[in-house]
Amino acid sequence: MSTTIDVYPTTSFMPLVEQTRARTQELFQQLLDRHGVGSRIEVKAFYPSAGGSQLRFVGESLAWEPGMELGFGYWINGEWDSTSWPGCFAVEDDDRITEEDLIYPFNSKPEHLGLWSIVEEFEDLLPPEQLTKVLRQDHYWYEYRNMAGPAVASTGYGLVAAALAEATNGVIASFDSAFDIEHNGESAQKFLTWWGEKQMTFYGTESFKKSRNV
């Protein structure tokens, strides 16, 4: 199945898509260089389109906003390899805890009534001040890779999440097993200490030396 990595910001800052793209590319190239892979990665942000349509790339002045869903394509040595799919989403009324959630089988806490339901995932993970900042926000990001996705996109989507969390002082989490739940609530800095190394170990460096489409 597809897996997602979520980013929950603690500030209202909306980075430029170009900043996210460039930082993702930088992080990916650093990872490849650390492992002596010898290939060159390019990351390009584009608007999703119907099959067969020419790609329309995102301009450098475009900032993220709720409702925006994009493709981040990964090129190795000039050849397209694969894509992951980041999006920015508004916190909706349906995301908040209602009176119905206070009873079985949900059993939410009465003091959480009206709060963004993410409070129940993070209450025991984040310091109270940090949790308060998360709950103040009206948006979040998630990045997903397709089911049985290739090595490059399956590594890149975590680096996109890290770039977004880094820019917004956010925390990273996954609730569909993109990684072990013990990593939920990590900062970008902590996430980056293990994510790339884990992916390299799992897929092997050969998976990153050339595009799978060559």
N, C-alpha and C. Protein backbone atom coordinates (compact mmCIF):
# COMPACT_ATOMS: atom_id res chain seq x y z
N MET A 1 0.84 -1.19 0.00
CA MET A 1 0.00 0.00 0.00
C MET A 1 0.88 1.24 0.00
N SER A 2 0.29 2.37 -0.38
CA SER A 2 1.01 3.64 -0.29
C SER A 2 1.23 3.99 1.18
N THR A 3 2.32 4.68 1.45
CA THR A 3 2.57 5.15 2.81
C THR A 3 2.81 6.65 2.79
N THR A 4 2.48 7.27 3.90
CA THR A 4 2.57 8.73 3.99
C THR A 4 3.44 9.15 5.16
N ILE A 5 4.07 10.30 5.01
CA ILE A 5 4.82 10.94 6.08
C ILE A 5 4.22 12.33 6.26
N ASP A 6 3.80 12.63 7.48
CA ASP A 6 3.13 13.89 7.78
C ASP A 6 4.10 14.87 8.42
N VAL A 7 3.84 16.15 8.18
CA VAL A 7 4.61 17.22 8.81
C VAL A 7 3.62 18.17 9.48
N TYR A 8 3.81 18.37 10.78
CA TYR A 8 2.96 19.25 11.56
C TYR A 8 3.78 20.46 12.00
N PRO A 9 3.53 21.63 11.40
CA PRO A 9 4.35 22.81 11.70
C PRO A 9 4.02 23.38 13.08
N THR A 10 4.96 24.12 13.63
CA THR A 10 4.70 24.87 14.87
C THR A 10 4.69 26.36 14.61
N THR A 11 4.83 26.78 13.35
CA THR A 11 4.76 28.18 12.97
C THR A 11 3.81 28.31 11.79
N SER A 12 3.37 29.53 11.52
CA SER A 12 2.47 29.78 10.39
C SER A 12 3.23 30.05 9.09
N PHE A 13 4.56 30.00 9.14
CA PHE A 13 5.38 30.30 7.96
C PHE A 13 5.10 29.32 6.83
N MET A 14 4.87 29.88 5.63
CA MET A 14 4.67 29.06 4.44
C MET A 14 5.90 29.21 3.54
N PRO A 15 6.74 28.20 3.47
CA PRO A 15 7.94 28.31 2.62
C PRO A 15 7.57 28.30 1.14
N LEU A 16 8.47 28.79 0.33
CA LEU A 16 8.31 28.66 -1.11
C LEU A 16 8.49 27.19 -1.50
N VAL A 17 7.74 26.76 -2.48
CA VAL A 17 7.93 25.40 -3.00
C VAL A 17 9.37 25.23 -3.47
N GLU A 18 9.92 26.27 -4.07
CA GLU A 18 11.30 26.21 -4.55
C GLU A 18 12.28 25.95 -3.42
N GLN A 19 12.02 26.53 -2.25
CA GLN A 19 12.89 26.28 -1.10
C GLN A 19 12.82 24.81 -0.68
N THR A 20 11.62 24.26 -0.69
CA THR A 20 11.47 22.84 -0.34
C THR A 20 12.17 21.95 -1.36
N ARG A 21 11.96 22.26 -2.63
CA ARG A 21 12.59 21.49 -3.70
C ARG A 21 14.11 21.52 -3.60
N ALA A 22 14.66 22.74 -3.44
CA ALA A 22 16.11 22.89 -3.41
C ALA A 22 16.72 22.20 -2.19
N ARG A 23 16.06 22.31 -1.05
CA ARG A 23 16.59 21.67 0.16
C ARG A 23 16.50 20.15 0.05
N THR A 24 15.42 19.65 -0.53
CA THR A 24 15.31 18.21 -0.74
C THR A 24 16.44 17.71 -1.63
N GLN A 25 16.69 18.42 -2.70
CA GLN A 25 17.77 18.04 -3.62
C GLN A 25 19.12 18.07 -2.90
N GLU A 26 19.34 19.10 -2.09
CA GLU A 26 20.59 19.21 -1.35
C GLU A 26 20.77 18.04 -0.39
N LEU A 27 19.72 17.72 0.36
CA LEU A 27 19.79 16.62 1.31
C LEU A 27 20.04 15.29 0.60
N PHE A 28 19.39 15.11 -0.54
CA PHE A 28 19.54 13.86 -1.28
C PHE A 28 20.96 13.73 -1.83
N GLN A 29 21.49 14.83 -2.40
CA GLN A 29 22.84 14.77 -2.95
C GLN A 29 23.86 14.50 -1.85
N GLN A 30 23.67 15.11 -0.69
CA GLN A 30 24.57 14.86 0.44
C GLN A 30 24.55 13.39 0.84
N LEU A 31 23.36 12.80 0.83
CA LEU A 31 23.23 11.38 1.17
C LEU A 31 23.98 10.51 0.15
N LEU A 32 23.78 10.79 -1.12
CA LEU A 32 24.48 10.02 -2.16
C LEU A 32 25.99 10.16 -2.05
N ASP A 33 26.43 11.38 -1.78
CA ASP A 33 27.88 11.62 -1.67
C ASP A 33 28.47 10.91 -0.45
N ARG A 34 27.74 10.90 0.65
CA ARG A 34 28.24 10.22 1.86
C ARG A 34 28.48 8.74 1.60
N HIS A 35 27.67 8.18 0.74
CA HIS A 35 27.78 6.74 0.47
C HIS A 35 28.57 6.44 -0.80
N GLY A 36 29.20 7.47 -1.37
CA GLY A 36 30.04 7.26 -2.53
C GLY A 36 29.32 6.72 -3.74
N VAL A 37 28.06 7.09 -3.91
CA VAL A 37 27.25 6.55 -5.01
C VAL A 37 27.75 7.05 -6.36
N GLY A 38 28.13 8.33 -6.42
CA GLY A 38 28.70 8.87 -7.65
C GLY A 38 27.69 9.38 -8.66
N SER A 39 26.42 9.42 -8.32
CA SER A 39 25.40 9.93 -9.24
C SER A 39 24.95 11.33 -8.83
N ARG A 40 24.27 11.99 -9.76
CA ARG A 40 23.78 13.35 -9.52
C ARG A 40 22.26 13.32 -9.51
N ILE A 41 21.68 13.87 -8.45
CA ILE A 41 20.23 13.89 -8.30
C ILE A 41 19.69 15.27 -8.63
N GLU A 42 18.58 15.32 -9.33
CA GLU A 42 17.83 16.55 -9.53
C GLU A 42 16.41 16.32 -9.06
N VAL A 43 15.87 17.31 -8.35
CA VAL A 43 14.48 17.25 -7.90
C VAL A 43 13.73 18.38 -8.58
N LYS A 44 12.59 18.06 -9.17
CA LYS A 44 11.79 19.07 -9.88
C LYS A 44 10.35 19.00 -9.38
N ALA A 45 9.80 20.18 -9.05
CA ALA A 45 8.42 20.26 -8.57
C ALA A 45 7.50 20.59 -9.74
N PHE A 46 6.40 19.86 -9.84
CA PHE A 46 5.49 20.07 -10.97
C PHE A 46 4.04 19.88 -10.53
N TYR A 47 3.15 20.38 -11.37
CA TYR A 47 1.72 20.23 -11.13
C TYR A 47 1.25 18.89 -11.67
N PRO A 48 0.51 18.11 -10.88
CA PRO A 48 -0.03 16.85 -11.41
C PRO A 48 -0.93 17.11 -12.61
N SER A 49 -0.92 16.20 -13.57
CA SER A 49 -1.72 16.37 -14.77
C SER A 49 -2.17 15.02 -15.28
N ALA A 50 -3.08 15.05 -16.24
CA ALA A 50 -3.57 13.80 -16.83
C ALA A 50 -2.43 13.09 -17.56
N GLY A 51 -2.52 11.78 -17.63
CA GLY A 51 -1.47 10.99 -18.27
C GLY A 51 -1.17 11.45 -19.68
N GLY A 52 0.11 11.57 -19.99
CA GLY A 52 0.53 11.97 -21.32
C GLY A 52 0.69 13.45 -21.52
N SER A 53 0.20 14.25 -20.57
CA SER A 53 0.34 15.70 -20.70
C SER A 53 1.78 16.11 -20.39
N GLN A 54 2.21 17.20 -21.00
CA GLN A 54 3.55 17.70 -20.75
C GLN A 54 3.64 18.25 -19.33
N LEU A 55 4.74 17.99 -18.65
CA LEU A 55 4.90 18.46 -17.28
C LEU A 55 4.94 19.98 -17.24
N ARG A 56 4.24 20.53 -16.25
CA ARG A 56 4.26 21.97 -16.02
C ARG A 56 4.95 22.19 -14.67
N PHE A 57 6.15 22.76 -14.72
CA PHE A 57 6.94 22.90 -13.51
C PHE A 57 6.50 24.12 -12.70
N VAL A 58 6.71 24.04 -11.41
CA VAL A 58 6.32 25.10 -10.48
C VAL A 58 7.31 26.25 -10.56
N GLY A 59 6.80 27.48 -10.57
CA GLY A 59 7.66 28.66 -10.60
C GLY A 59 8.37 28.89 -9.27
N GLU A 60 9.43 29.65 -9.31
CA GLU A 60 10.26 29.85 -8.12
C GLU A 60 9.61 30.73 -7.07
N SER A 61 8.57 31.49 -7.42
CA SER A 61 7.97 32.42 -6.47
C SER A 61 6.71 31.87 -5.79
N LEU A 62 6.36 30.63 -6.08
CA LEU A 62 5.12 30.06 -5.54
C LEU A 62 5.33 29.56 -4.11
N ALA A 63 4.50 30.03 -3.19
CA ALA A 63 4.54 29.57 -1.81
C ALA A 63 3.50 28.47 -1.61
N TRP A 64 3.79 27.60 -0.68
CA TRP A 64 2.81 26.58 -0.30
C TRP A 64 1.56 27.23 0.25
N GLU A 65 0.43 26.59 0.06
CA GLU A 65 -0.82 27.02 0.68
C GLU A 65 -1.73 25.80 0.79
N PRO A 66 -2.68 25.83 1.75
CA PRO A 66 -3.58 24.69 1.89
C PRO A 66 -4.34 24.40 0.60
N GLY A 67 -4.49 23.14 0.29
CA GLY A 67 -5.15 22.72 -0.94
C GLY A 67 -4.21 22.46 -2.09
N MET A 68 -2.92 22.70 -1.88
CA MET A 68 -1.93 22.52 -2.94
C MET A 68 -1.36 21.11 -2.90
N GLU A 69 -1.47 20.40 -4.02
CA GLU A 69 -0.90 19.07 -4.16
C GLU A 69 0.01 19.07 -5.38
N LEU A 70 1.24 18.60 -5.20
CA LEU A 70 2.25 18.67 -6.25
C LEU A 70 2.93 17.33 -6.44
N GLY A 71 3.68 17.22 -7.52
CA GLY A 71 4.59 16.11 -7.72
C GLY A 71 6.02 16.58 -7.53
N PHE A 72 6.83 15.79 -6.87
CA PHE A 72 8.27 16.03 -6.80
C PHE A 72 8.94 14.88 -7.55
N GLY A 73 9.46 15.21 -8.74
CA GLY A 73 10.10 14.21 -9.57
C GLY A 73 11.59 14.13 -9.29
N TYR A 74 12.14 12.93 -9.41
CA TYR A 74 13.55 12.69 -9.12
C TYR A 74 14.24 12.21 -10.40
N TRP A 75 15.24 12.98 -10.82
CA TRP A 75 16.04 12.65 -11.99
C TRP A 75 17.44 12.23 -11.54
N ILE A 76 17.96 11.13 -12.04
CA ILE A 76 19.32 10.69 -11.74
C ILE A 76 20.15 10.81 -13.00
N ASN A 77 21.20 11.60 -12.91
CA ASN A 77 22.09 11.84 -14.06
C ASN A 77 21.30 12.26 -15.30
N GLY A 78 20.30 13.09 -15.07
CA GLY A 78 19.52 13.65 -16.17
C GLY A 78 18.36 12.80 -16.66
N GLU A 79 18.15 11.62 -16.06
CA GLU A 79 17.07 10.72 -16.48
C GLU A 79 16.04 10.59 -15.36
N TRP A 80 14.76 10.78 -15.72
CA TRP A 80 13.71 10.65 -14.71
C TRP A 80 13.69 9.24 -14.14
N ASP A 81 13.50 9.17 -12.81
CA ASP A 81 13.43 7.87 -12.14
C ASP A 81 12.04 7.61 -11.56
N SER A 82 11.55 8.54 -10.73
CA SER A 82 10.29 8.29 -10.02
C SER A 82 9.80 9.59 -9.40
N THR A 83 8.66 9.52 -8.72
CA THR A 83 7.99 10.71 -8.20
C THR A 83 7.36 10.42 -6.85
N SER A 84 7.38 11.42 -5.97
CA SER A 84 6.58 11.38 -4.74
C SER A 84 5.63 12.57 -4.77
N TRP A 85 4.69 12.60 -3.81
CA TRP A 85 3.54 13.49 -3.96
C TRP A 85 3.24 14.27 -2.68
N PRO A 86 3.90 15.40 -2.47
CA PRO A 86 3.61 16.21 -1.28
C PRO A 86 2.36 17.08 -1.47
N GLY A 87 1.67 17.32 -0.37
CA GLY A 87 0.51 18.20 -0.40
C GLY A 87 0.38 18.96 0.90
N CYS A 88 -0.24 20.13 0.84
CA CYS A 88 -0.51 20.96 2.02
C CYS A 88 -2.03 20.99 2.20
N PHE A 89 -2.48 20.72 3.41
CA PHE A 89 -3.91 20.58 3.65
C PHE A 89 -4.36 21.41 4.84
N ALA A 90 -5.58 21.93 4.74
CA ALA A 90 -6.16 22.70 5.83
C ALA A 90 -6.69 21.77 6.91
N VAL A 91 -6.65 22.24 8.15
CA VAL A 91 -7.31 21.53 9.24
C VAL A 91 -8.80 21.86 9.15
N GLU A 92 -9.62 20.86 8.89
CA GLU A 92 -11.06 21.06 8.68
C GLU A 92 -11.83 20.77 9.97
N ASP A 93 -13.11 21.14 9.95
CA ASP A 93 -13.97 20.85 11.10
C ASP A 93 -14.02 19.36 11.39
N ASP A 94 -13.99 18.55 10.34
CA ASP A 94 -14.03 17.09 10.53
C ASP A 94 -12.78 16.55 11.21
N ASP A 95 -11.73 17.36 11.27
CA ASP A 95 -10.49 16.94 11.92
C ASP A 95 -10.51 17.21 13.42
N ARG A 96 -11.57 17.84 13.90
CA ARG A 96 -11.64 18.22 15.31
C ARG A 96 -12.51 17.24 16.10
N ILE A 97 -12.20 17.14 17.37
CA ILE A 97 -12.90 16.21 18.25
C ILE A 97 -14.28 16.76 18.60
N THR A 98 -15.29 15.93 18.39
CA THR A 98 -16.68 16.31 18.65
C THR A 98 -17.21 15.55 19.87
N GLU A 99 -18.43 15.88 20.26
CA GLU A 99 -19.04 15.19 21.40
C GLU A 99 -19.20 13.69 21.12
N GLU A 100 -19.43 13.33 19.87
CA GLU A 100 -19.55 11.91 19.53
C GLU A 100 -18.25 11.16 19.79
N ASP A 101 -17.13 11.87 19.70
CA ASP A 101 -15.83 11.23 19.92
C ASP A 101 -15.55 10.97 21.40
N LEU A 102 -16.37 11.54 22.28
CA LEU A 102 -16.14 11.38 23.71
C LEU A 102 -16.66 10.06 24.24
N ILE A 103 -17.45 9.36 23.43
CA ILE A 103 -18.04 8.11 23.88
C ILE A 103 -17.42 6.93 23.14
N TYR A 104 -17.75 5.73 23.58
CA TYR A 104 -17.24 4.50 22.97
C TYR A 104 -17.62 4.47 21.49
N PRO A 105 -16.73 4.04 20.56
CA PRO A 105 -15.43 3.40 20.83
C PRO A 105 -14.24 4.35 20.84
N PHE A 106 -14.49 5.67 20.68
CA PHE A 106 -13.36 6.60 20.56
C PHE A 106 -12.82 7.02 21.92
N ASN A 107 -13.74 7.32 22.85
CA ASN A 107 -13.35 7.65 24.22
C ASN A 107 -12.32 8.77 24.31
N SER A 108 -12.52 9.82 23.51
CA SER A 108 -11.63 10.98 23.61
C SER A 108 -11.84 11.68 24.95
N LYS A 109 -10.83 12.39 25.38
CA LYS A 109 -10.91 13.09 26.65
C LYS A 109 -11.81 14.32 26.53
N PRO A 110 -12.65 14.59 27.52
CA PRO A 110 -13.52 15.77 27.46
C PRO A 110 -12.75 17.07 27.25
N GLU A 111 -11.56 17.16 27.81
CA GLU A 111 -10.78 18.40 27.67
C GLU A 111 -10.26 18.60 26.25
N HIS A 112 -10.39 17.57 25.42
CA HIS A 112 -9.96 17.68 24.03
C HIS A 112 -11.09 18.11 23.09
N LEU A 113 -12.28 18.28 23.60
CA LEU A 113 -13.42 18.65 22.78
C LEU A 113 -13.12 19.92 21.99
N GLY A 114 -13.30 19.86 20.68
CA GLY A 114 -13.06 21.01 19.82
C GLY A 114 -11.65 21.14 19.31
N LEU A 115 -10.73 20.35 19.87
CA LEU A 115 -9.33 20.43 19.44
C LEU A 115 -9.10 19.55 18.21
N TRP A 116 -8.05 19.88 17.48
CA TRP A 116 -7.58 19.06 16.37
C TRP A 116 -7.26 17.68 16.93
N SER A 117 -7.77 16.64 16.29
CA SER A 117 -7.65 15.29 16.83
C SER A 117 -6.21 14.81 16.93
N ILE A 118 -5.29 15.48 16.25
CA ILE A 118 -3.88 15.08 16.34
C ILE A 118 -3.35 15.19 17.77
N VAL A 119 -4.08 15.93 18.62
CA VAL A 119 -3.67 16.07 20.02
C VAL A 119 -3.53 14.71 20.67
N GLU A 120 -4.35 13.75 20.28
CA GLU A 120 -4.32 12.45 20.93
C GLU A 120 -3.11 11.62 20.52
N GLU A 121 -2.54 11.93 19.37
CA GLU A 121 -1.33 11.24 18.93
C GLU A 121 -0.08 11.82 19.59
N PHE A 122 -0.12 13.12 19.87
CA PHE A 122 1.09 13.81 20.30
C PHE A 122 1.11 14.19 21.78
N GLU A 123 0.00 14.00 22.47
CA GLU A 123 -0.09 14.47 23.86
C GLU A 123 1.02 13.91 24.74
N ASP A 124 1.36 12.66 24.54
CA ASP A 124 2.39 12.02 25.37
C ASP A 124 3.77 12.03 24.72
N LEU A 125 3.88 12.65 23.53
CA LEU A 125 5.16 12.67 22.82
C LEU A 125 5.85 14.03 22.85
N LEU A 126 5.07 15.10 22.78
CA LEU A 126 5.63 16.44 22.66
C LEU A 126 5.52 17.20 23.97
N PRO A 127 6.49 18.07 24.26
CA PRO A 127 6.35 18.96 25.40
C PRO A 127 5.10 19.82 25.24
N PRO A 128 4.43 20.18 26.34
CA PRO A 128 3.18 20.93 26.24
C PRO A 128 3.27 22.20 25.39
N GLU A 129 4.36 22.94 25.53
CA GLU A 129 4.49 24.18 24.76
C GLU A 129 4.56 23.89 23.26
N GLN A 130 5.29 22.86 22.89
CA GLN A 130 5.39 22.51 21.47
C GLN A 130 4.06 22.00 20.94
N LEU A 131 3.36 21.19 21.73
CA LEU A 131 2.06 20.70 21.31
C LEU A 131 1.07 21.84 21.11
N THR A 132 1.10 22.82 22.00
CA THR A 132 0.23 23.98 21.86
C THR A 132 0.48 24.70 20.54
N LYS A 133 1.73 24.81 20.15
CA LYS A 133 2.07 25.47 18.89
C LYS A 133 1.55 24.68 17.69
N VAL A 134 1.66 23.36 17.75
CA VAL A 134 1.12 22.53 16.68
C VAL A 134 -0.39 22.73 16.55
N LEU A 135 -1.08 22.72 17.68
CA LEU A 135 -2.54 22.81 17.66
C LEU A 135 -3.05 24.17 17.22
N ARG A 136 -2.21 25.19 17.28
CA ARG A 136 -2.60 26.53 16.82
C ARG A 136 -2.65 26.63 15.30
N GLN A 137 -1.98 25.74 14.62
CA GLN A 137 -1.85 25.87 13.16
C GLN A 137 -3.13 25.43 12.46
N ASP A 138 -3.34 25.98 11.27
CA ASP A 138 -4.54 25.66 10.50
C ASP A 138 -4.23 24.80 9.27
N HIS A 139 -3.04 24.23 9.24
CA HIS A 139 -2.64 23.43 8.08
C HIS A 139 -1.57 22.44 8.48
N TYR A 140 -1.31 21.50 7.60
CA TYR A 140 -0.23 20.52 7.77
C TYR A 140 0.12 20.00 6.38
N TRP A 141 1.20 19.26 6.29
CA TRP A 141 1.61 18.63 5.03
C TRP A 141 1.59 17.12 5.17
N TYR A 142 1.34 16.44 4.06
CA TYR A 142 1.75 15.04 4.03
C TYR A 142 2.36 14.72 2.68
N GLU A 143 3.27 13.80 2.71
CA GLU A 143 4.02 13.35 1.54
C GLU A 143 3.78 11.86 1.39
N TYR A 144 3.39 11.41 0.20
CA TYR A 144 3.22 9.97 0.04
C TYR A 144 3.97 9.44 -1.18
N ARG A 145 4.29 8.18 -1.07
CA ARG A 145 4.90 7.48 -2.20
C ARG A 145 3.95 6.34 -2.57
N ASN A 146 3.94 5.99 -3.84
CA ASN A 146 3.03 4.96 -4.33
C ASN A 146 3.39 3.59 -3.78
N MET A 147 2.42 2.70 -3.78
CA MET A 147 2.61 1.34 -3.31
C MET A 147 3.79 0.68 -4.01
N ALA A 148 4.64 0.02 -3.22
CA ALA A 148 5.83 -0.65 -3.75
C ALA A 148 6.69 0.30 -4.58
N GLY A 149 6.77 1.54 -4.12
CA GLY A 149 7.51 2.56 -4.85
C GLY A 149 8.99 2.24 -4.94
N PRO A 150 9.66 2.79 -5.95
CA PRO A 150 11.08 2.53 -6.15
C PRO A 150 11.94 3.19 -5.08
N ALA A 151 13.19 2.81 -5.04
CA ALA A 151 14.11 3.26 -3.99
C ALA A 151 14.23 4.78 -3.93
N VAL A 152 14.32 5.42 -5.09
CA VAL A 152 14.60 6.87 -5.10
C VAL A 152 13.43 7.65 -4.52
N ALA A 153 12.22 7.42 -5.01
CA ALA A 153 11.05 8.12 -4.45
C ALA A 153 10.81 7.72 -3.00
N SER A 154 11.09 6.46 -2.67
CA SER A 154 10.87 5.97 -1.32
C SER A 154 11.85 6.57 -0.33
N THR A 155 12.95 7.09 -0.82
CA THR A 155 13.90 7.83 0.01
C THR A 155 13.58 9.32 -0.04
N GLY A 156 13.28 9.81 -1.23
CA GLY A 156 13.04 11.23 -1.41
C GLY A 156 11.86 11.77 -0.64
N TYR A 157 10.79 10.96 -0.49
CA TYR A 157 9.63 11.52 0.19
C TYR A 157 9.90 11.83 1.66
N GLY A 158 10.78 11.08 2.26
CA GLY A 158 11.18 11.42 3.62
C GLY A 158 12.02 12.67 3.69
N LEU A 159 12.84 12.89 2.66
CA LEU A 159 13.67 14.10 2.62
C LEU A 159 12.82 15.34 2.35
N VAL A 160 11.75 15.20 1.56
CA VAL A 160 10.81 16.31 1.38
C VAL A 160 10.18 16.67 2.72
N ALA A 161 9.74 15.67 3.45
CA ALA A 161 9.14 15.90 4.76
C ALA A 161 10.13 16.59 5.69
N ALA A 162 11.38 16.16 5.66
CA ALA A 162 12.40 16.78 6.51
C ALA A 162 12.62 18.23 6.13
N ALA A 163 12.64 18.52 4.82
CA ALA A 163 12.83 19.90 4.37
C ALA A 163 11.69 20.79 4.84
N LEU A 164 10.46 20.29 4.79
CA LEU A 164 9.31 21.06 5.25
C LEU A 164 9.33 21.25 6.77
N ALA A 165 9.66 20.20 7.49
CA ALA A 165 9.72 20.31 8.95
C ALA A 165 10.83 21.27 9.38
N GLU A 166 11.93 21.23 8.68
CA GLU A 166 13.06 22.11 8.97
C GLU A 166 12.65 23.57 8.80
N ALA A 167 11.90 23.86 7.74
CA ALA A 167 11.52 25.25 7.43
C ALA A 167 10.45 25.79 8.35
N THR A 168 9.67 24.91 8.97
CA THR A 168 8.52 25.34 9.78
C THR A 168 8.64 24.96 11.25
N ASN A 169 9.84 24.53 11.66
CA ASN A 169 10.04 24.04 13.03
C ASN A 169 9.01 22.96 13.37
N GLY A 170 8.70 22.15 12.39
CA GLY A 170 7.64 21.16 12.56
C GLY A 170 8.14 19.83 13.09
N VAL A 171 7.18 18.95 13.30
CA VAL A 171 7.49 17.58 13.72
C VAL A 171 6.97 16.62 12.66
N ILE A 172 7.61 15.47 12.59
CA ILE A 172 7.35 14.48 11.56
C ILE A 172 6.68 13.26 12.19
N ALA A 173 5.73 12.67 11.46
CA ALA A 173 5.06 11.48 11.97
C ALA A 173 4.51 10.67 10.80
N SER A 174 4.25 9.40 11.06
CA SER A 174 3.54 8.55 10.10
C SER A 174 2.61 7.64 10.87
N PHE A 175 1.38 7.51 10.36
CA PHE A 175 0.39 6.67 11.01
C PHE A 175 -0.03 5.50 10.12
N ASP A 176 0.77 5.23 9.09
CA ASP A 176 0.50 4.07 8.23
C ASP A 176 1.78 3.28 7.95
N SER A 177 2.69 3.32 8.91
CA SER A 177 3.88 2.46 8.90
C SER A 177 4.91 2.82 7.85
N ALA A 178 5.04 4.10 7.53
CA ALA A 178 6.18 4.52 6.70
C ALA A 178 7.48 4.30 7.45
N PHE A 179 7.41 4.34 8.77
CA PHE A 179 8.55 4.02 9.64
C PHE A 179 8.00 3.65 11.01
N ASP A 180 8.86 3.19 11.89
CA ASP A 180 8.44 2.76 13.22
C ASP A 180 7.82 3.92 13.98
N ILE A 181 6.74 3.64 14.71
CA ILE A 181 5.99 4.67 15.40
C ILE A 181 6.83 5.39 16.45
N GLU A 182 7.90 4.77 16.90
CA GLU A 182 8.76 5.39 17.90
C GLU A 182 9.40 6.68 17.40
N HIS A 183 9.41 6.87 16.08
CA HIS A 183 10.00 8.09 15.51
C HIS A 183 8.99 9.23 15.37
N ASN A 184 7.73 8.97 15.66
CA ASN A 184 6.74 10.03 15.56
C ASN A 184 7.06 11.17 16.52
N GLY A 185 6.90 12.39 16.03
CA GLY A 185 7.17 13.57 16.84
C GLY A 185 8.59 14.09 16.73
N GLU A 186 9.40 13.47 15.86
CA GLU A 186 10.79 13.91 15.73
C GLU A 186 10.90 15.21 14.95
N SER A 187 11.92 15.98 15.28
CA SER A 187 12.28 17.16 14.50
C SER A 187 12.98 16.72 13.22
N ALA A 188 13.12 17.65 12.29
CA ALA A 188 13.85 17.33 11.05
C ALA A 188 15.27 16.90 11.37
N GLN A 189 15.91 17.59 12.29
CA GLN A 189 17.30 17.29 12.62
C GLN A 189 17.45 15.85 13.11
N LYS A 190 16.57 15.42 13.99
CA LYS A 190 16.66 14.06 14.51
C LYS A 190 16.29 13.04 13.44
N PHE A 191 15.25 13.33 12.67
CA PHE A 191 14.81 12.43 11.61
C PHE A 191 15.93 12.17 10.61
N LEU A 192 16.68 13.22 10.29
CA LEU A 192 17.74 13.09 9.30
C LEU A 192 18.94 12.29 9.80
N THR A 193 19.03 12.04 11.10
CA THR A 193 20.15 11.25 11.61
C THR A 193 20.04 9.78 11.22
N TRP A 194 18.84 9.34 10.83
CA TRP A 194 18.68 7.91 10.54
C TRP A 194 17.95 7.61 9.23
N TRP A 195 17.10 8.51 8.75
CA TRP A 195 16.25 8.17 7.61
C TRP A 195 17.05 7.73 6.38
N GLY A 196 17.94 8.58 5.92
CA GLY A 196 18.69 8.27 4.70
C GLY A 196 19.53 7.02 4.83
N GLU A 197 20.15 6.85 6.00
CA GLU A 197 21.00 5.67 6.20
C GLU A 197 20.16 4.39 6.16
N LYS A 198 18.98 4.46 6.77
CA LYS A 198 18.09 3.29 6.77
C LYS A 198 17.67 2.93 5.35
N GLN A 199 17.34 3.93 4.54
CA GLN A 199 16.92 3.65 3.17
C GLN A 199 18.08 3.09 2.34
N MET A 200 19.26 3.64 2.52
CA MET A 200 20.43 3.14 1.80
C MET A 200 20.72 1.68 2.16
N THR A 201 20.62 1.37 3.43
CA THR A 201 20.86 0.00 3.87
C THR A 201 19.82 -0.95 3.29
N PHE A 202 18.58 -0.50 3.25
CA PHE A 202 17.49 -1.36 2.77
C PHE A 202 17.57 -1.60 1.26
N TYR A 203 17.79 -0.53 0.49
CA TYR A 203 17.75 -0.63 -0.97
C TYR A 203 19.10 -0.93 -1.60
N GLY A 204 20.20 -0.55 -0.92
CA GLY A 204 21.53 -0.73 -1.49
C GLY A 204 21.91 0.40 -2.42
N THR A 205 23.18 0.73 -2.48
CA THR A 205 23.63 1.89 -3.26
C THR A 205 23.41 1.71 -4.76
N GLU A 206 23.37 0.48 -5.25
CA GLU A 206 23.17 0.26 -6.69
C GLU A 206 21.85 0.85 -7.18
N SER A 207 20.86 0.91 -6.29
CA SER A 207 19.54 1.42 -6.67
C SER A 207 19.55 2.92 -6.96
N PHE A 208 20.65 3.59 -6.59
CA PHE A 208 20.73 5.04 -6.73
C PHE A 208 21.77 5.48 -7.76
N LYS A 209 22.40 4.53 -8.44
CA LYS A 209 23.48 4.89 -9.36
C LYS A 209 22.98 5.33 -10.73
N LYS A 210 21.82 4.86 -11.12
CA LYS A 210 21.24 5.29 -12.40
C LYS A 210 19.73 5.17 -12.31
N SER A 211 19.04 5.88 -13.21
CA SER A 211 17.59 5.81 -13.25
C SER A 211 17.13 4.39 -13.53
N ARG A 212 16.07 3.98 -12.88
CA ARG A 212 15.52 2.64 -13.14
C ARG A 212 14.92 2.55 -14.54
N ASN A 213 14.76 3.70 -15.22
CA ASN A 213 14.16 3.72 -16.55
C ASN A 213 15.19 3.68 -17.67
N VAL A 214 16.48 3.61 -17.30
CA VAL A 214 17.54 3.57 -18.32
C VAL A 214 17.79 2.13 -18.74
